């Protein structure tokens, strides 16, 4: 079972235990996340590997866009 499925199962159990009140679904989900993550604290969880963090990726996109813009400006002068 993956983490999402486990959180969903725990959230549903919380939902039932709280009287099936539909407006508390976000609270049930967040509580379930805390419960599941606490269960897995200290265990090695598989996380997707990222080459760069979001900051580095955003910077690369800006740099590439800037370079392309400069190339387009140079080409329009030729």
Protein backbone atom coordinates (compact mmCIF):
# COMPACT_ATOMS: atom_id res chain seq x y z
CA UNK A 1 0.00 0.00 0.00
CA UNK A 2 1.42 3.41 -0.90
CA UNK A 3 1.26 6.44 1.38
CA UNK A 4 -1.65 8.05 -0.48
CA UNK A 5 -3.77 4.92 -0.13
CA UNK A 6 -2.89 4.60 3.53
CA UNK A 7 -3.78 8.25 4.21
CA UNK A 8 -7.07 7.78 2.35
CA UNK A 9 -7.90 4.71 4.44
CA UNK A 10 -7.09 6.47 7.72
CA UNK A 11 -9.02 9.59 6.64
CA UNK A 12 -12.05 7.45 5.90
CA UNK A 13 -11.79 5.80 9.32
CA UNK A 14 -11.59 9.25 10.95
CA UNK A 15 -14.58 10.37 8.88
CA UNK A 16 -16.62 7.42 10.11
CA UNK A 17 -15.49 7.81 13.72
CA UNK A 18 -16.50 11.49 13.72
CA UNK A 19 -20.04 10.74 12.61
CA UNK A 20 -19.61 11.02 8.83
CA UNK A 21 -19.64 14.83 8.86
CA UNK A 22 -18.80 15.78 5.26
CA UNK A 23 -17.63 19.34 5.95
CA UNK A 24 -14.69 18.05 7.99
CA UNK A 25 -13.10 16.17 5.08
CA UNK A 26 -10.04 18.41 4.92
CA UNK A 27 -9.52 18.09 8.68
CA UNK A 28 -9.86 14.30 8.39
CA UNK A 29 -7.33 14.21 5.56
CA UNK A 30 -4.78 16.41 7.35
CA UNK A 31 -5.15 14.44 10.57
CA UNK A 32 -4.72 11.21 8.60
CA UNK A 33 -1.54 12.57 6.98
CA UNK A 34 -0.10 13.36 10.40
CA UNK A 35 -1.01 9.91 11.71
CA UNK A 36 0.47 8.06 8.72
CA UNK A 37 3.63 10.16 8.63
CA UNK A 38 4.13 9.63 12.36
CA UNK A 39 3.81 5.87 11.81
CA UNK A 40 6.50 6.02 9.14
CA UNK A 41 8.81 8.45 10.93
CA UNK A 42 12.30 7.04 10.96
CA UNK A 43 11.62 4.61 8.14
CA UNK A 44 13.22 5.12 4.76
CA UNK A 45 10.43 6.09 2.39
CA UNK A 46 10.88 6.07 -1.33
CA UNK A 47 10.62 9.57 -2.69
CA UNK A 48 10.78 10.60 -6.32
CA UNK A 49 14.27 11.64 -7.29
CA UNK A 50 14.64 15.18 -8.54
CA UNK A 51 17.65 16.43 -10.38
CA UNK A 52 17.12 19.99 -9.22
CA UNK A 53 15.02 21.63 -6.57
CA UNK A 54 12.22 23.97 -7.64
CA UNK A 55 14.41 27.04 -7.24
CA UNK A 56 17.12 25.70 -9.54
CA UNK A 57 14.55 24.55 -12.10
CA UNK A 58 12.86 27.97 -12.14
CA UNK A 59 16.24 29.66 -12.55
CA UNK A 60 17.12 27.39 -15.48
CA UNK A 61 13.79 28.21 -17.18
CA UNK A 62 14.40 31.96 -16.72
CA UNK A 63 17.95 31.66 -18.05
CA UNK A 64 16.84 29.67 -21.09
CA UNK A 65 14.03 32.14 -21.84
CA UNK A 66 16.46 35.03 -21.53
CA UNK A 67 18.95 33.36 -23.89
CA UNK A 68 16.22 32.63 -26.45
CA UNK A 69 15.01 36.22 -26.24
CA UNK A 70 18.53 37.51 -26.90
CA UNK A 71 18.91 35.14 -29.87
CA UNK A 72 15.61 36.33 -31.33
CA UNK A 73 16.65 39.96 -30.95
CA UNK A 74 19.99 39.29 -32.66
CA UNK A 75 18.26 37.45 -35.50
CA UNK A 76 15.88 40.36 -36.10
CA UNK A 77 18.85 42.69 -36.68
CA UNK A 78 20.36 40.48 -39.36
